[in-house]
């Protein structure tokens, strides 16, 4: 594997900038100490990781608390159309029978007068 410019554009850039010498003395003196920057970044990353761990632990505790308090209700079984029609027919027949029985009881108490 070669190191350096790979195509004509890279070669042109290398030719253009190889003669330039850059002296950034101002930047070097005003820069923050790299070790101090790395320590700060490390502290920030550690704080973020600790916050994430706390968030995970809190989520686990909340999930357990919620799951322990769930009360499941028994649901009715879903009936087919034929079963619903049969139930409705039974109710209609029962209502008609009840009505017939009440009429029979009334007639038993007060028979109709006969014409003679």
C-alpha atoms as a PDB file:
ATOM      1  CA  UNK A   1       0.000   0.000   0.000  1.00  0.00           C
ATOM      2  CA  UNK A   2       1.465   3.304  -1.085  1.00  0.00           C
ATOM      3  CA  UNK A   3       1.662   6.387   1.071  1.00  0.00           C
ATOM      4  CA  UNK A   4       1.171   9.769  -0.572  1.00  0.00           C
ATOM      5  CA  UNK A   5      -0.885  11.257  -3.360  1.00  0.00           C
ATOM      6  CA  UNK A   6      -3.104   8.721  -5.097  1.00  0.00           C
ATOM      7  CA  UNK A   7      -4.541  10.687  -8.039  1.00  0.00           C
ATOM      8  CA  UNK A   8      -3.835  13.838 -10.055  1.00  0.00           C
ATOM      9  CA  UNK A   9      -5.842  16.083  -7.728  1.00  0.00           C
ATOM     10  CA  UNK A  10      -3.889  14.886  -4.693  1.00  0.00           C
ATOM     11  CA  UNK A  11      -0.608  15.330  -6.578  1.00  0.00           C
ATOM     12  CA  UNK A  12      -1.562  18.893  -7.568  1.00  0.00           C
ATOM     13  CA  UNK A  13      -2.389  19.746  -3.953  1.00  0.00           C
ATOM     14  CA  UNK A  14       0.897  18.280  -2.758  1.00  0.00           C
ATOM     15  CA  UNK A  15       2.871  20.316  -5.364  1.00  0.00           C
ATOM     16  CA  UNK A  16       1.001  23.486  -4.392  1.00  0.00           C
ATOM     17  CA  UNK A  17       1.517  23.210  -0.638  1.00  0.00           C
ATOM     18  CA  UNK A  18       4.910  21.460  -0.363  1.00  0.00           C
ATOM     19  CA  UNK A  19       6.826  24.705  -0.748  1.00  0.00           C
ATOM     20  CA  UNK A  20       4.830  26.575   1.874  1.00  0.00           C
ATOM     21  CA  UNK A  21       6.143  26.687   5.392  1.00  0.00           C
ATOM     22  CA  UNK A  22       3.674  27.482   8.104  1.00  0.00           C
ATOM     23  CA  UNK A  23       4.667  28.790  11.482  1.00  0.00           C
ATOM     24  CA  UNK A  24       1.776  28.992  13.915  1.00  0.00           C
ATOM     25  CA  UNK A  25       3.595  30.270  16.943  1.00  0.00           C
ATOM     26  CA  UNK A  26       0.562  32.227  18.100  1.00  0.00           C
ATOM     27  CA  UNK A  27      -1.672  29.171  17.982  1.00  0.00           C
ATOM     28  CA  UNK A  28       0.839  27.043  19.863  1.00  0.00           C
ATOM     29  CA  UNK A  29       1.201  29.538  22.698  1.00  0.00           C
ATOM     30  CA  UNK A  30      -2.545  30.138  23.022  1.00  0.00           C
ATOM     31  CA  UNK A  31      -3.517  26.471  22.863  1.00  0.00           C
ATOM     32  CA  UNK A  32      -4.939  24.706  25.871  1.00  0.00           C
ATOM     33  CA  UNK A  33      -2.733  22.054  27.375  1.00  0.00           C
ATOM     34  CA  UNK A  34      -3.612  18.777  25.568  1.00  0.00           C
ATOM     35  CA  UNK A  35      -3.378  16.756  28.770  1.00  0.00           C
ATOM     36  CA  UNK A  36      -5.799  19.115  30.508  1.00  0.00           C
ATOM     37  CA  UNK A  37      -8.176  18.872  27.516  1.00  0.00           C
ATOM     38  CA  UNK A  38      -8.034  15.066  27.571  1.00  0.00           C
ATOM     39  CA  UNK A  39      -8.691  15.011  31.319  1.00  0.00           C
ATOM     40  CA  UNK A  40     -11.704  17.306  30.843  1.00  0.00           C
ATOM     41  CA  UNK A  41     -13.060  15.161  28.002  1.00  0.00           C
ATOM     42  CA  UNK A  42     -12.553  12.053  30.137  1.00  0.00           C
ATOM     43  CA  UNK A  43     -14.462  13.638  33.033  1.00  0.00           C
ATOM     44  CA  UNK A  44     -17.307  14.616  30.707  1.00  0.00           C
ATOM     45  CA  UNK A  45     -17.471  11.113  29.221  1.00  0.00           C
ATOM     46  CA  UNK A  46     -17.474   9.550  32.694  1.00  0.00           C
ATOM     47  CA  UNK A  47     -20.305  11.858  33.793  1.00  0.00           C
ATOM     48  CA  UNK A  48     -22.323  10.923  30.693  1.00  0.00           C
ATOM     49  CA  UNK A  49     -21.767   7.194  31.284  1.00  0.00           C
ATOM     50  CA  UNK A  50     -22.754   7.514  34.940  1.00  0.00           C
ATOM     51  CA  UNK A  51     -25.920   9.406  33.971  1.00  0.00           C
ATOM     52  CA  UNK A  52     -26.726   6.644  31.480  1.00  0.00           C
ATOM     53  CA  UNK A  53     -26.189   3.945  34.139  1.00  0.00           C
ATOM     54  CA  UNK A  54     -28.470   5.812  36.555  1.00  0.00           C
ATOM     55  CA  UNK A  55     -31.101   6.157  33.831  1.00  0.00           C
ATOM     56  CA  UNK A  56     -30.923   2.416  33.083  1.00  0.00           C
ATOM     57  CA  UNK A  57     -31.222   1.495  36.760  1.00  0.00           C
ATOM     58  CA  UNK A  58     -34.179   3.852  37.232  1.00  0.00           C
ATOM     59  CA  UNK A  59     -35.896   2.432  34.164  1.00  0.00           C
ATOM     60  CA  UNK A  60     -35.415  -1.118  35.456  1.00  0.00           C
ATOM     61  CA  UNK A  61     -36.827  -0.211  38.879  1.00  0.00           C
ATOM     62  CA  UNK A  62     -39.849   1.522  37.316  1.00  0.00           C
ATOM     63  CA  UNK A  63     -40.470  -1.417  34.988  1.00  0.00           C
ATOM     64  CA  UNK A  64     -40.389  -3.865  37.901  1.00  0.00           C
ATOM     65  CA  UNK A  65     -42.704  -1.681  40.005  1.00  0.00           C
ATOM     66  CA  UNK A  66     -45.197  -1.332  37.191  1.00  0.00           C
ATOM     67  CA  UNK A  67     -45.117  -5.014  36.328  1.00  0.00           C
ATOM     68  CA  UNK A  68     -45.684  -6.002  39.964  1.00  0.00           C
ATOM     69  CA  UNK A  69     -48.797  -3.806  40.188  1.00  0.00           C
ATOM     70  CA  UNK A  70     -50.439  -4.939  36.958  1.00  0.00           C
ATOM     71  CA  UNK A  71     -53.784  -6.580  37.536  1.00  0.00           C
ATOM     72  CA  UNK A  72     -54.948  -8.738  34.694  1.00  0.00           C
ATOM     73  CA  UNK A  73     -58.665  -8.984  34.008  1.00  0.00           C
ATOM     74  CA  UNK A  74     -60.240 -12.031  32.476  1.00  0.00           C
ATOM     75  CA  UNK A  75     -61.704 -11.120  29.120  1.00  0.00           C
ATOM     76  CA  UNK A  76     -64.827 -12.620  27.673  1.00  0.00           C
ATOM     77  CA  UNK A  77     -64.271 -15.131  24.951  1.00  0.00           C
ATOM     78  CA  UNK A  78     -65.182 -13.932  21.505  1.00  0.00           C
ATOM     79  CA  UNK A  79     -68.260 -15.691  20.183  1.00  0.00           C
ATOM     80  CA  UNK A  80     -68.922 -16.594  16.600  1.00  0.00           C
ATOM     81  CA  UNK A  81     -71.805 -15.153  14.624  1.00  0.00           C
ATOM     82  CA  UNK A  82     -73.743 -18.428  14.877  1.00  0.00           C
ATOM     83  CA  UNK A  83     -73.391 -18.468  18.671  1.00  0.00           C
ATOM     84  CA  UNK A  84     -74.600 -14.868  18.949  1.00  0.00           C
ATOM     85  CA  UNK A  85     -77.617 -15.591  16.727  1.00  0.00           C
ATOM     86  CA  UNK A  86     -78.456 -18.697  18.783  1.00  0.00           C
ATOM     87  CA  UNK A  87     -78.270 -16.692  22.022  1.00  0.00           C
ATOM     88  CA  UNK A  88     -80.507 -13.976  20.588  1.00  0.00           C
ATOM     89  CA  UNK A  89     -83.017 -16.596  19.431  1.00  0.00           C
ATOM     90  CA  UNK A  90     -83.036 -18.190  22.911  1.00  0.00           C
ATOM     91  CA  UNK A  91     -83.703 -14.797  24.489  1.00  0.00           C
ATOM     92  CA  UNK A  92     -86.585 -14.114  22.099  1.00  0.00           C
ATOM     93  CA  UNK A  93     -88.112 -17.542  22.759  1.00  0.00           C
ATOM     94  CA  UNK A  94     -87.694 -17.088  26.525  1.00  0.00           C
ATOM     95  CA  UNK A  95     -89.397 -13.665  26.363  1.00  0.00           C
ATOM     96  CA  UNK A  96     -92.288 -15.108  24.346  1.00  0.00           C
ATOM     97  CA  UNK A  97     -92.667 -18.007  26.774  1.00  0.00           C
ATOM     98  CA  UNK A  98     -92.673 -15.625  29.739  1.00  0.00           C
ATOM     99  CA  UNK A  99     -95.354 -13.525  28.075  1.00  0.00           C
ATOM    100  CA  UNK A 100     -97.430 -16.674  27.340  1.00  0.00           C
ATOM    101  CA  UNK A 101     -97.099 -17.820  30.962  1.00  0.00           C
ATOM    102  CA  UNK A 102     -98.255 -14.443  32.326  1.00  0.00           C
ATOM    103  CA  UNK A 103    -101.280 -14.496  30.018  1.00  0.00           C
ATOM    104  CA  UNK A 104    -102.099 -18.075  31.088  1.00  0.00           C
ATOM    105  CA  UNK A 105    -101.893 -17.047  34.749  1.00  0.00           C
ATOM    106  CA  UNK A 106    -104.242 -14.103  34.181  1.00  0.00           C
ATOM    107  CA  UNK A 107    -106.729 -16.313  32.386  1.00  0.00           C
ATOM    108  CA  UNK A 108    -106.567 -18.868  35.203  1.00  0.00           C
ATOM    109  CA  UNK A 109    -107.451 -16.173  37.747  1.00  0.00           C
ATOM    110  CA  UNK A 110    -110.205 -14.441  35.774  1.00  0.00           C
ATOM    111  CA  UNK A 111    -111.799 -16.700  33.192  1.00  0.00           C
ATOM    112  CA  UNK A 112    -113.722 -14.975  30.445  1.00  0.00           C
ATOM    113  CA  UNK A 113    -117.456 -14.969  30.855  1.00  0.00           C
ATOM    114  CA  UNK A 114    -119.284 -17.310  28.556  1.00  0.00           C
ATOM    115  CA  UNK A 115    -122.417 -16.236  26.754  1.00  0.00           C
ATOM    116  CA  UNK A 116    -125.304 -18.620  27.252  1.00  0.00           C
END
